[in-house]
Structures are given as structure tokens and as C-alpha cells.
Amino acid sequence: MVTTALELPGYRVVRSLGVVRGLTVRSRSIVGNFIGGLHSLFGGNITVYTTLCEQTRAETFQLMVKHARMLGANAIIGMRYDATDVMPGLAEVLCYGTAVIVEDGWAT
């Protein structure tokens, strides 16, 4: 379970395992820049960049989940994405959150 919230309704955090993250640095290809440039002439959604962004976010998310599993977590709370330009055409995308162990909050 992964949430951007700081708690999971119906569950209670029994142990916090610390920050987990997934990090990817991506560049745009020459072909991608060419196609993106053509799309920008006509306006609207530039699908080549949208696809690249979605793939990058999915990759960083999976890396974060893998990191949490390695620590023994069964949930991640406070998940966030962050992106930074490293240099022109090169971006770092980070997905992070707090790995936790949760139990059913209704159990006695």
C-alpha cells in the first residue's frame, strides 16, 4: 500500500523503517526533441514528452517500492515526487516516502 497521506485509514503504523526512495536521471533523445519540437508548433499535449514523464515516474515509483520491500515494509506513507533539472535536457526524478509496517487498526 502506498499513499500520499500520513496515515492509512483502518490501519495503524506499528513501526517506521525510515525514508525510501527511487531515483532516475533521464535525458531526452535527439529524436524525441525533434518530434517534441514538431508537436509544439501545433500546440496541445506533446505526447512524446508525456510518455517519457509517465515512464520515468513509474520507474522511480517501482524503485521506491523495491527499496521499501528490502527493508521489510508493507506500506509507504507520505509518498511524493520531485524533479530537478541537472543540466539542459537532463532531469532527475525522485520518488520518496516513509516505509512503515502497518497492522489492521480494527484488531484488538
PDB file of N, CA and C in Angstrom:
ATOM      1  N   MET A   1       0.838  -1.174   0.000  1.00  0.00           N
ATOM      2  CA  MET A   1       0.000   0.000   0.000  1.00  0.00           C
ATOM      3  C   MET A   1       0.886   1.242   0.000  1.00  0.00           C
ATOM      4  N   VAL A   2       0.531   2.172  -0.832  1.00  0.00           N
ATOM      5  CA  VAL A   2       1.281   3.429  -0.932  1.00  0.00           C
ATOM      6  C   VAL A   2       0.276   4.567  -0.922  1.00  0.00           C
ATOM      7  N   THR A   3       0.550   5.579  -0.111  1.00  0.00           N
ATOM      8  CA  THR A   3      -0.344   6.730  -0.045  1.00  0.00           C
ATOM      9  C   THR A   3       0.452   8.022   0.115  1.00  0.00           C
ATOM     10  N   THR A   4      -0.137   9.102  -0.363  1.00  0.00           N
ATOM     11  CA  THR A   4       0.467  10.419  -0.138  1.00  0.00           C
ATOM     12  C   THR A   4       0.085  10.960   1.238  1.00  0.00           C
ATOM     13  N   ALA A   5      -0.925  10.345   1.852  1.00  0.00           N
ATOM     14  CA  ALA A   5      -1.348  10.748   3.194  1.00  0.00           C
ATOM     15  C   ALA A   5      -0.321  10.279   4.225  1.00  0.00           C
ATOM     16  N   LEU A   6      -0.458  10.788   5.441  1.00  0.00           N
ATOM     17  CA  LEU A   6       0.463  10.411   6.506  1.00  0.00           C
ATOM     18  C   LEU A   6      -0.075   9.270   7.354  1.00  0.00           C
ATOM     19  N   GLU A   7      -1.228   8.744   6.965  1.00  0.00           N
ATOM     20  CA  GLU A   7      -1.806   7.594   7.646  1.00  0.00           C
ATOM     21  C   GLU A   7      -2.667   6.812   6.668  1.00  0.00           C
ATOM     22  N   LEU A   8      -2.962   5.576   7.021  1.00  0.00           N
ATOM     23  CA  LEU A   8      -3.825   4.719   6.216  1.00  0.00           C
ATOM     24  C   LEU A   8      -5.088   4.432   7.025  1.00  0.00           C
ATOM     25  N   PRO A   9      -6.228   4.929   6.588  1.00  0.00           N
ATOM     26  CA  PRO A   9      -7.464   4.675   7.334  1.00  0.00           C
ATOM     27  C   PRO A   9      -7.688   3.175   7.529  1.00  0.00           C
ATOM     28  N   GLY A  10      -8.003   2.801   8.776  1.00  0.00           N
ATOM     29  CA  GLY A  10      -8.246   1.405   9.100  1.00  0.00           C
ATOM     30  C   GLY A  10      -6.990   0.636   9.492  1.00  0.00           C
ATOM     31  N   TYR A  11      -5.841   1.294   9.420  1.00  0.00           N
ATOM     32  CA  TYR A  11      -4.572   0.659   9.781  1.00  0.00           C
ATOM     33  C   TYR A  11      -3.849   1.537  10.785  1.00  0.00           C
ATOM     34  N   ARG A  12      -2.968   0.916  11.533  1.00  0.00           N
ATOM     35  CA  ARG A  12      -2.123   1.704  12.430  1.00  0.00           C
ATOM     36  C   ARG A  12      -0.667   1.366  12.156  1.00  0.00           C
ATOM     37  N   VAL A  13       0.151   2.391  12.186  1.00  0.00           N
ATOM     38  CA  VAL A  13       1.589   2.208  11.979  1.00  0.00           C
ATOM     39  C   VAL A  13       2.171   1.632  13.261  1.00  0.00           C
ATOM     40  N   VAL A  14       2.806   0.461  13.139  1.00  0.00           N
ATOM     41  CA  VAL A  14       3.422  -0.157  14.311  1.00  0.00           C
ATOM     42  C   VAL A  14       4.938   0.021  14.311  1.00  0.00           C
ATOM     43  N   ARG A  15       5.480   0.362  13.144  1.00  0.00           N
ATOM     44  CA  ARG A  15       6.929   0.587  13.068  1.00  0.00           C
ATOM     45  C   ARG A  15       7.255   1.430  11.850  1.00  0.00           C
ATOM     46  N   SER A  16       8.111   2.415  12.034  1.00  0.00           N
ATOM     47  CA  SER A  16       8.606   3.232  10.928  1.00  0.00           C
ATOM     48  C   SER A  16      10.011   2.760  10.581  1.00  0.00           C
ATOM     49  N   LEU A  17      10.249   2.517   9.290  1.00  0.00           N
ATOM     50  CA  LEU A  17      11.541   1.983   8.852  1.00  0.00           C
ATOM     51  C   LEU A  17      12.418   3.032   8.177  1.00  0.00           C
ATOM     52  N   GLY A  18      11.922   4.242   8.072  1.00  0.00           N
ATOM     53  CA  GLY A  18      12.714   5.322   7.502  1.00  0.00           C
ATOM     54  C   GLY A  18      12.329   5.677   6.072  1.00  0.00           C
ATOM     55  N   VAL A  19      13.061   6.614   5.538  1.00  0.00           N
ATOM     56  CA  VAL A  19      12.812   7.119   4.188  1.00  0.00           C
ATOM     57  C   VAL A  19      13.257   6.097   3.149  1.00  0.00           C
ATOM     58  N   VAL A  20      12.410   5.907   2.143  1.00  0.00           N
ATOM     59  CA  VAL A  20      12.764   5.077   0.988  1.00  0.00           C
ATOM     60  C   VAL A  20      12.637   5.940  -0.252  1.00  0.00           C
ATOM     61  N   ARG A  21      13.379   5.558  -1.302  1.00  0.00           N
ATOM     62  CA  ARG A  21      13.381   6.413  -2.490  1.00  0.00           C
ATOM     63  C   ARG A  21      13.667   5.600  -3.736  1.00  0.00           C
ATOM     64  N   GLY A  22      13.268   6.181  -4.832  1.00  0.00           N
ATOM     65  CA  GLY A  22      13.631   5.698  -6.151  1.00  0.00           C
ATOM     66  C   GLY A  22      14.101   6.904  -6.934  1.00  0.00           C
ATOM     67  N   LEU A  23      15.206   6.781  -7.625  1.00  0.00           N
ATOM     68  CA  LEU A  23      15.810   7.914  -8.323  1.00  0.00           C
ATOM     69  C   LEU A  23      16.176   7.505  -9.746  1.00  0.00           C
ATOM     70  N   THR A  24      15.825   8.367 -10.689  1.00  0.00           N
ATOM     71  CA  THR A  24      16.192   8.152 -12.085  1.00  0.00           C
ATOM     72  C   THR A  24      16.644   9.481 -12.673  1.00  0.00           C
ATOM     73  N   VAL A  25      17.688   9.438 -13.481  1.00  0.00           N
ATOM     74  CA  VAL A  25      18.120  10.617 -14.230  1.00  0.00           C
ATOM     75  C   VAL A  25      17.897  10.301 -15.694  1.00  0.00           C
ATOM     76  N   ARG A  26      17.134  11.126 -16.369  1.00  0.00           N
ATOM     77  CA  ARG A  26      16.763  10.881 -17.764  1.00  0.00           C
ATOM     78  C   ARG A  26      17.175  12.035 -18.659  1.00  0.00           C
ATOM     79  N   SER A  27      17.464  11.692 -19.897  1.00  0.00           N
ATOM     80  CA  SER A  27      17.719  12.712 -20.910  1.00  0.00           C
ATOM     81  C   SER A  27      16.732  12.506 -22.046  1.00  0.00           C
ATOM     82  N   ARG A  28      16.477  13.567 -22.758  1.00  0.00           N
ATOM     83  CA  ARG A  28      15.631  13.473 -23.942  1.00  0.00           C
ATOM     84  C   ARG A  28      16.526  13.112 -25.117  1.00  0.00           C
ATOM     85  N   SER A  29      16.031  12.228 -25.957  1.00  0.00           N
ATOM     86  CA  SER A  29      16.817  11.840 -27.131  1.00  0.00           C
ATOM     87  C   SER A  29      16.694  12.900 -28.224  1.00  0.00           C
ATOM     88  N   ILE A  30      17.601  12.845 -29.176  1.00  0.00           N
ATOM     89  CA  ILE A  30      17.549  13.768 -30.311  1.00  0.00           C
ATOM     90  C   ILE A  30      16.237  13.583 -31.072  1.00  0.00           C
ATOM     91  N   VAL A  31      15.844  12.325 -31.275  1.00  0.00           N
ATOM     92  CA  VAL A  31      14.584  12.041 -31.980  1.00  0.00           C
ATOM     93  C   VAL A  31      13.408  12.587 -31.185  1.00  0.00           C
ATOM     94  N   GLY A  32      13.421  12.363 -29.857  1.00  0.00           N
ATOM     95  CA  GLY A  32      12.351  12.870 -29.003  1.00  0.00           C
ATOM     96  C   GLY A  32      12.261  14.376 -29.044  1.00  0.00           C
ATOM     97  N   ASN A  33      13.413  15.051 -29.021  1.00  0.00           N
ATOM     98  CA  ASN A  33      13.415  16.512 -29.107  1.00  0.00           C
ATOM     99  C   ASN A  33      12.872  16.991 -30.445  1.00  0.00           C
ATOM    100  N   PHE A  34      13.220  16.289 -31.520  1.00  0.00           N
ATOM    101  CA  PHE A  34      12.736  16.664 -32.846  1.00  0.00           C
ATOM    102  C   PHE A  34      11.212  16.525 -32.925  1.00  0.00           C
ATOM    103  N   ILE A  35      10.712  15.358 -32.480  1.00  0.00           N
ATOM    104  CA  ILE A  35       9.266  15.118 -32.522  1.00  0.00           C
ATOM    105  C   ILE A  35       8.544  16.085 -31.584  1.00  0.00           C
ATOM    106  N   GLY A  36       9.102  16.289 -30.393  1.00  0.00           N
ATOM    107  CA  GLY A  36       8.511  17.233 -29.447  1.00  0.00           C
ATOM    108  C   GLY A  36       8.475  18.640 -30.008  1.00  0.00           C
ATOM    109  N   GLY A  37       9.538  19.022 -30.707  1.00  0.00           N
ATOM    110  CA  GLY A  37       9.574  20.339 -31.338  1.00  0.00           C
ATOM    111  C   GLY A  37       8.502  20.491 -32.395  1.00  0.00           C
ATOM    112  N   LEU A  38       8.281  19.447 -33.182  1.00  0.00           N
ATOM    113  CA  LEU A  38       7.212  19.483 -34.191  1.00  0.00           C
ATOM    114  C   LEU A  38       5.838  19.602 -33.534  1.00  0.00           C
ATOM    115  N   HIS A  39       5.622  18.816 -32.482  1.00  0.00           N
ATOM    116  CA  HIS A  39       4.331  18.873 -31.777  1.00  0.00           C
ATOM    117  C   HIS A  39       4.089  20.248 -31.195  1.00  0.00           C
ATOM    118  N   SER A  40       5.141  20.899 -30.686  1.00  0.00           N
ATOM    119  CA  SER A  40       4.968  22.200 -30.049  1.00  0.00           C
ATOM    120  C   SER A  40       4.542  23.273 -31.057  1.00  0.00           C
ATOM    121  N   LEU A  41       4.848  23.062 -32.337  1.00  0.00           N
ATOM    122  CA  LEU A  41       4.416  24.005 -33.365  1.00  0.00           C
ATOM    123  C   LEU A  41       2.900  24.030 -33.504  1.00  0.00           C
ATOM    124  N   PHE A  42       2.270  22.901 -33.233  1.00  0.00           N
ATOM    125  CA  PHE A  42       0.821  22.790 -33.420  1.00  0.00           C
ATOM    126  C   PHE A  42       0.050  22.954 -32.110  1.00  0.00           C
ATOM    127  N   GLY A  43       0.735  22.970 -30.988  1.00  0.00           N
ATOM    128  CA  GLY A  43       0.081  23.141 -29.696  1.00  0.00           C
ATOM    129  C   GLY A  43      -0.518  21.850 -29.186  1.00  0.00           C
ATOM    130  N   GLY A  44      -1.046  21.913 -27.978  1.00  0.00           N
ATOM    131  CA  GLY A  44      -1.684  20.748 -27.380  1.00  0.00           C
ATOM    132  C   GLY A  44      -0.701  19.881 -26.610  1.00  0.00           C
ATOM    133  N   ASN A  45      -1.169  18.693 -26.263  1.00  0.00           N
ATOM    134  CA  ASN A  45      -0.373  17.745 -25.497  1.00  0.00           C
ATOM    135  C   ASN A  45       0.788  17.216 -26.339  1.00  0.00           C
ATOM    136  N   ILE A  46       1.982  17.319 -25.827  1.00  0.00           N
ATOM    137  CA  ILE A  46       3.163  16.812 -26.528  1.00  0.00           C
ATOM    138  C   ILE A  46       3.394  15.394 -26.005  1.00  0.00           C
ATOM    139  N   THR A  47       2.781  14.443 -26.686  1.00  0.00           N
ATOM    140  CA  THR A  47       2.698  13.070 -26.184  1.00  0.00           C
ATOM    141  C   THR A  47       4.053  12.403 -25.994  1.00  0.00           C
ATOM    142  N   VAL A  48       5.040  12.742 -26.805  1.00  0.00           N
ATOM    143  CA  VAL A  48       6.350  12.115 -26.652  1.00  0.00           C
ATOM    144  C   VAL A  48       6.950  12.472 -25.286  1.00  0.00           C
ATOM    145  N   TYR A  49       6.739  13.696 -24.826  1.00  0.00           N
ATOM    146  CA  TYR A  49       7.238  14.098 -23.514  1.00  0.00           C
ATOM    147  C   TYR A  49       6.351  13.561 -22.395  1.00  0.00           C
ATOM    148  N   THR A  50       5.047  13.524 -22.624  1.00  0.00           N
ATOM    149  CA  THR A  50       4.125  12.961 -21.634  1.00  0.00           C
ATOM    150  C   THR A  50       4.479  11.506 -21.367  1.00  0.00           C
ATOM    151  N   THR A  51       4.713  10.748 -22.423  1.00  0.00           N
ATOM    152  CA  THR A  51       5.075   9.335 -22.287  1.00  0.00           C
ATOM    153  C   THR A  51       6.388   9.185 -21.526  1.00  0.00           C
ATOM    154  N   LEU A  52       7.370   9.992 -21.860  1.00  0.00           N
ATOM    155  CA  LEU A  52       8.661   9.950 -21.172  1.00  0.00           C
ATOM    156  C   LEU A  52       8.488  10.245 -19.678  1.00  0.00           C
ATOM    157  N   CYS A  53       7.696  11.255 -19.357  1.00  0.00           N
ATOM    158  CA  CYS A  53       7.465  11.601 -17.947  1.00  0.00           C
ATOM    159  C   CYS A  53       6.754  10.478 -17.210  1.00  0.00           C
ATOM    160  N   GLU A  54       5.731   9.897 -17.820  1.00  0.00           N
ATOM    161  CA  GLU A  54       4.997   8.799 -17.176  1.00  0.00           C
ATOM    162  C   GLU A  54       5.895   7.581 -16.954  1.00  0.00           C
ATOM    163  N   GLN A  55       6.714   7.247 -17.938  1.00  0.00           N
ATOM    164  CA  GLN A  55       7.624   6.116 -17.798  1.00  0.00           C
ATOM    165  C   GLN A  55       8.638   6.363 -16.689  1.00  0.00           C
ATOM    166  N   THR A  56       9.141   7.569 -16.609  1.00  0.00           N
ATOM    167  CA  THR A  56      10.132   7.912 -15.594  1.00  0.00           C
ATOM    168  C   THR A  56       9.522   7.860 -14.204  1.00  0.00           C
ATOM    169  N   ARG A  57       8.322   8.408 -14.049  1.00  0.00           N
ATOM    170  CA  ARG A  57       7.652   8.356 -12.748  1.00  0.00           C
ATOM    171  C   ARG A  57       7.370   6.914 -12.332  1.00  0.00           C
ATOM    172  N   ALA A  58       6.909   6.099 -13.281  1.00  0.00           N
ATOM    173  CA  ALA A  58       6.628   4.688 -12.970  1.00  0.00           C
ATOM    174  C   ALA A  58       7.900   3.964 -12.534  1.00  0.00           C
ATOM    175  N   GLU A  59       9.001   4.259 -13.196  1.00  0.00           N
ATOM    176  CA  GLU A  59      10.278   3.625 -12.852  1.00  0.00           C
ATOM    177  C   GLU A  59      10.731   4.020 -11.451  1.00  0.00           C
ATOM    178  N   THR A  60      10.651   5.298 -11.123  1.00  0.00           N
ATOM    179  CA  THR A  60      11.084   5.736  -9.794  1.00  0.00           C
ATOM    180  C   THR A  60      10.161   5.176  -8.712  1.00  0.00           C
ATOM    181  N   PHE A  61       8.859   5.081  -9.013  1.00  0.00           N
ATOM    182  CA  PHE A  61       7.903   4.501  -8.065  1.00  0.00           C
ATOM    183  C   PHE A  61       8.264   3.050  -7.769  1.00  0.00           C
ATOM    184  N   GLN A  62       8.538   2.270  -8.817  1.00  0.00           N
ATOM    185  CA  GLN A  62       8.898   0.860  -8.629  1.00  0.00           C
ATOM    186  C   GLN A  62      10.201   0.711  -7.842  1.00  0.00           C
ATOM    187  N   LEU A  63      11.163   1.588  -8.094  1.00  0.00           N
ATOM    188  CA  LEU A  63      12.421   1.552  -7.337  1.00  0.00           C
ATOM    189  C   LEU A  63      12.188   1.847  -5.858  1.00  0.00           C
ATOM    190  N   MET A  64      11.291   2.812  -5.571  1.00  0.00           N
ATOM    191  CA  MET A  64      10.968   3.136  -4.190  1.00  0.00           C
ATOM    192  C   MET A  64      10.300   1.950  -3.499  1.00  0.00           C
ATOM    193  N   VAL A  65       9.336   1.316  -4.171  1.00  0.00           N
ATOM    194  CA  VAL A  65       8.639   0.162  -3.603  1.00  0.00           C
ATOM    195  C   VAL A  65       9.630  -0.975  -3.343  1.00  0.00           C
ATOM    196  N   LYS A  66      10.548  -1.198  -4.274  1.00  0.00           N
ATOM    197  CA  LYS A  66      11.572  -2.237  -4.098  1.00  0.00           C
ATOM    198  C   LYS A  66      12.426  -1.945  -2.867  1.00  0.00           C
ATOM    199  N   HIS A  67      12.811  -0.686  -2.686  1.00  0.00           N
ATOM    200  CA  HIS A  67      13.602  -0.278  -1.534  1.00  0.00           C
ATOM    201  C   HIS A  67      12.825  -0.569  -0.247  1.00  0.00           C
ATOM    202  N   ALA A  68      11.537  -0.244  -0.226  1.00  0.00           N
ATOM    203  CA  ALA A  68      10.703  -0.485   0.958  1.00  0.00           C
ATOM    204  C   ALA A  68      10.591  -1.982   1.261  1.00  0.00           C
ATOM    205  N   ARG A  69      10.411  -2.791   0.226  1.00  0.00           N
ATOM    206  CA  ARG A  69      10.316  -4.235   0.431  1.00  0.00           C
ATOM    207  C   ARG A  69      11.620  -4.798   1.010  1.00  0.00           C
ATOM    208  N   MET A  70      12.750  -4.271   0.543  1.00  0.00           N
ATOM    209  CA  MET A  70      14.047  -4.722   1.064  1.00  0.00           C
ATOM    210  C   MET A  70      14.168  -4.454   2.564  1.00  0.00           C
ATOM    211  N   LEU A  71      13.496  -3.411   3.039  1.00  0.00           N
ATOM    212  CA  LEU A  71      13.525  -3.076   4.464  1.00  0.00           C
ATOM    213  C   LEU A  71      12.480  -3.857   5.263  1.00  0.00           C
ATOM    214  N   GLY A  72      11.581  -4.562   4.559  1.00  0.00           N
ATOM    215  CA  GLY A  72      10.540  -5.335   5.235  1.00  0.00           C
ATOM    216  C   GLY A  72       9.237  -4.588   5.430  1.00  0.00           C
ATOM    217  N   ALA A  73       9.059  -3.463   4.766  1.00  0.00           N
ATOM    218  CA  ALA A  73       7.840  -2.658   4.900  1.00  0.00           C
ATOM    219  C   ALA A  73       6.670  -3.314   4.176  1.00  0.00           C
ATOM    220  N   ASN A  74       5.468  -3.047   4.677  1.00  0.00           N
ATOM    221  CA  ASN A  74       4.272  -3.473   3.957  1.00  0.00           C
ATOM    222  C   ASN A  74       3.424  -2.280   3.520  1.00  0.00           C
ATOM    223  N   ALA A  75       3.959  -1.065   3.721  1.00  0.00           N
ATOM    224  CA  ALA A  75       3.271   0.145   3.269  1.00  0.00           C
ATOM    225  C   ALA A  75       4.267   1.292   3.186  1.00  0.00           C
ATOM    226  N   ILE A  76       3.876   2.319   2.430  1.00  0.00           N
ATOM    227  CA  ILE A  76       4.654   3.555   2.335  1.00  0.00           C
ATOM    228  C   ILE A  76       3.670   4.702   2.516  1.00  0.00           C
ATOM    229  N   ILE A  77       3.993   5.601   3.442  1.00  0.00           N
ATOM    230  CA  ILE A  77       3.150   6.773   3.658  1.00  0.00           C
ATOM    231  C   ILE A  77       3.926   8.031   3.272  1.00  0.00           C
ATOM    232  N   GLY A  78       3.187   9.107   3.032  1.00  0.00           N
ATOM    233  CA  GLY A  78       3.816  10.388   2.707  1.00  0.00           C
ATOM    234  C   GLY A  78       4.580  10.379   1.396  1.00  0.00           C
ATOM    235  N   MET A  79       4.130   9.586   0.424  1.00  0.00           N
ATOM    236  CA  MET A  79       4.837   9.467  -0.861  1.00  0.00           C
ATOM    237  C   MET A  79       4.765  10.791  -1.634  1.00  0.00           C
ATOM    238  N   ARG A  80       5.880  11.161  -2.233  1.00  0.00           N
ATOM    239  CA  ARG A  80       5.970  12.389  -3.031  1.00  0.00           C
ATOM    240  C   ARG A  80       6.876  12.155  -4.235  1.00  0.00           C
ATOM    241  N   TYR A  81       6.706  13.013  -5.242  1.00  0.00           N
ATOM    242  CA  TYR A  81       7.612  13.064  -6.387  1.00  0.00           C
ATOM    243  C   TYR A  81       8.307  14.413  -6.372  1.00  0.00           C
ATOM    244  N   ASP A  82       9.526  14.437  -6.886  1.00  0.00           N
ATOM    245  CA  ASP A  82      10.264  15.681  -7.045  1.00  0.00           C
ATOM    246  C   ASP A  82      11.080  15.560  -8.323  1.00  0.00           C
ATOM    247  N   ALA A  83      11.256  16.654  -9.011  1.00  0.00           N
ATOM    248  CA  ALA A  83      12.061  16.653 -10.241  1.00  0.00           C
ATOM    249  C   ALA A  83      12.952  17.889 -10.256  1.00  0.00           C
ATOM    250  N   THR A  84      14.171  17.697 -10.741  1.00  0.00           N
ATOM    251  CA  THR A  84      15.147  18.775 -10.802  1.00  0.00           C
ATOM    252  C   THR A  84      15.904  18.677 -12.114  1.00  0.00           C
ATOM    253  N   ASP A  85      16.119  19.817 -12.761  1.00  0.00           N
ATOM    254  CA  ASP A  85      16.970  19.832 -13.947  1.00  0.00           C
ATOM    255  C   ASP A  85      18.418  19.760 -13.490  1.00  0.00           C
ATOM    256  N   VAL A  86      19.131  18.736 -13.963  1.00  0.00           N
ATOM    257  CA  VAL A  86      20.541  18.588 -13.644  1.00  0.00           C
ATOM    258  C   VAL A  86      21.356  19.492 -14.561  1.00  0.00           C
ATOM    259  N   MET A  87      20.961  19.515 -15.827  1.00  0.00           N
ATOM    260  CA  MET A  87      21.541  20.386 -16.852  1.00  0.00           C
ATOM    261  C   MET A  87      20.531  20.427 -17.990  1.00  0.00           C
ATOM    262  N   PRO A  88      20.683  21.295 -18.969  1.00  0.00           N
ATOM    263  CA  PRO A  88      19.703  21.349 -20.059  1.00  0.00           C
ATOM    264  C   PRO A  88      19.519  19.973 -20.720  1.00  0.00           C
ATOM    265  N   GLY A  89      18.260  19.523 -20.756  1.00  0.00           N
ATOM    266  CA  GLY A  89      17.948  18.239 -21.385  1.00  0.00           C
ATOM    267  C   GLY A  89      18.142  17.030 -20.490  1.00  0.00           C
ATOM    268  N   LEU A  90      18.536  17.246 -19.223  1.00  0.00           N
ATOM    269  CA  LEU A  90      18.808  16.147 -18.290  1.00  0.00           C
ATOM    270  C   LEU A  90      18.081  16.436 -16.981  1.00  0.00           C
ATOM    271  N   ALA A  91      17.189  15.528 -16.588  1.00  0.00           N
ATOM    272  CA  ALA A  91      16.385  15.751 -15.388  1.00  0.00           C
ATOM    273  C   ALA A  91      16.497  14.575 -14.422  1.00  0.00           C
ATOM    274  N   GLU A  92      16.509  14.910 -13.153  1.00  0.00           N
ATOM    275  CA  GLU A  92      16.485  13.923 -12.082  1.00  0.00           C
ATOM    276  C   GLU A  92      15.038  13.842 -11.591  1.00  0.00           C
ATOM    277  N   VAL A  93      14.504  12.634 -11.469  1.00  0.00           N
ATOM    278  CA  VAL A  93      13.170  12.438 -10.918  1.00  0.00           C
ATOM    279  C   VAL A  93      13.311  11.547  -9.693  1.00  0.00           C
ATOM    280  N   LEU A  94      12.747  11.994  -8.595  1.00  0.00           N
ATOM    281  CA  LEU A  94      12.851  11.312  -7.321  1.00  0.00           C
ATOM    282  C   LEU A  94      11.449  10.996  -6.814  1.00  0.00           C
ATOM    283  N   CYS A  95      11.259   9.782  -6.352  1.00  0.00           N
ATOM    284  CA  CYS A  95      10.020   9.365  -5.690  1.00  0.00           C
ATOM    285  C   CYS A  95      10.433   8.919  -4.288  1.00  0.00           C
ATOM    286  N   TYR A  96       9.777   9.455  -3.256  1.00  0.00           N
ATOM    287  CA  TYR A  96      10.192   9.116  -1.905  1.00  0.00           C
ATOM    288  C   TYR A  96       9.000   9.079  -0.956  1.00  0.00           C
ATOM    289  N   GLY A  97       9.197   8.418   0.156  1.00  0.00           N
ATOM    290  CA  GLY A  97       8.174   8.321   1.186  1.00  0.00           C
ATOM    291  C   GLY A  97       8.765   7.662   2.412  1.00  0.00           C
ATOM    292  N   THR A  98       7.911   7.359   3.375  1.00  0.00           N
ATOM    293  CA  THR A  98       8.341   6.704   4.603  1.00  0.00           C
ATOM    294  C   THR A  98       7.860   5.265   4.593  1.00  0.00           C
ATOM    295  N   ALA A  99       8.802   4.333   4.692  1.00  0.00           N
ATOM    296  CA  ALA A  99       8.469   2.916   4.753  1.00  0.00           C
ATOM    297  C   ALA A  99       7.997   2.582   6.160  1.00  0.00           C
ATOM    298  N   VAL A 100       6.863   1.877   6.237  1.00  0.00           N
ATOM    299  CA  VAL A 100       6.298   1.535   7.536  1.00  0.00           C
ATOM    300  C   VAL A 100       5.776   0.097   7.529  1.00  0.00           C
ATOM    301  N   ILE A 101       5.577  -0.400   8.731  1.00  0.00           N
ATOM    302  CA  ILE A 101       4.855  -1.648   8.910  1.00  0.00           C
ATOM    303  C   ILE A 101       3.534  -1.269   9.546  1.00  0.00           C
ATOM    304  N   VAL A 102       2.440  -1.679   8.909  1.00  0.00           N
ATOM    305  CA  VAL A 102       1.108  -1.380   9.432  1.00  0.00           C
ATOM    306  C   VAL A 102       0.383  -2.659   9.786  1.00  0.00           C
ATOM    307  N   GLU A 103      -0.541  -2.529  10.710  1.00  0.00           N
ATOM    308  CA  GLU A 103      -1.423  -3.623  11.094  1.00  0.00           C
ATOM    309  C   GLU A 103      -2.850  -3.134  11.004  1.00  0.00           C
ATOM    310  N   ASP A 104      -3.771  -4.073  10.906  1.00  0.00           N
ATOM    311  CA  ASP A 104      -5.192  -3.759  10.893  1.00  0.00           C
ATOM    312  C   ASP A 104      -5.524  -2.962  12.154  1.00  0.00           C
ATOM    313  N   GLY A 105      -6.040  -1.772  11.969  1.00  0.00           N
ATOM    314  CA  GLY A 105      -6.362  -0.906  13.103  1.00  0.00           C
ATOM    315  C   GLY A 105      -7.579  -1.341  13.884  1.00  0.00           C
ATOM    316  N   TRP A 106      -8.354  -2.258  13.340  1.00  0.00           N
ATOM    317  CA  TRP A 106      -9.572  -2.722  13.992  1.00  0.00           C
ATOM    318  C   TRP A 106      -9.309  -3.933  14.891  1.00  0.00           C
ATOM    319  N   ALA A 107      -8.125  -4.532  14.741  1.00  0.00           N
ATOM    320  CA  ALA A 107      -7.795  -5.706  15.563  1.00  0.00           C
ATOM    321  C   ALA A 107      -7.559  -5.275  17.005  1.00  0.00           C
ATOM    322  N   THR A 108      -7.873  -6.125  17.912  1.00  0.00           N
ATOM    323  CA  THR A 108      -7.681  -5.778  19.339  1.00  0.00           C
ATOM    324  C   THR A 108      -6.421  -6.392  19.860  1.00  0.00           C
TER     325      THR A 108
END
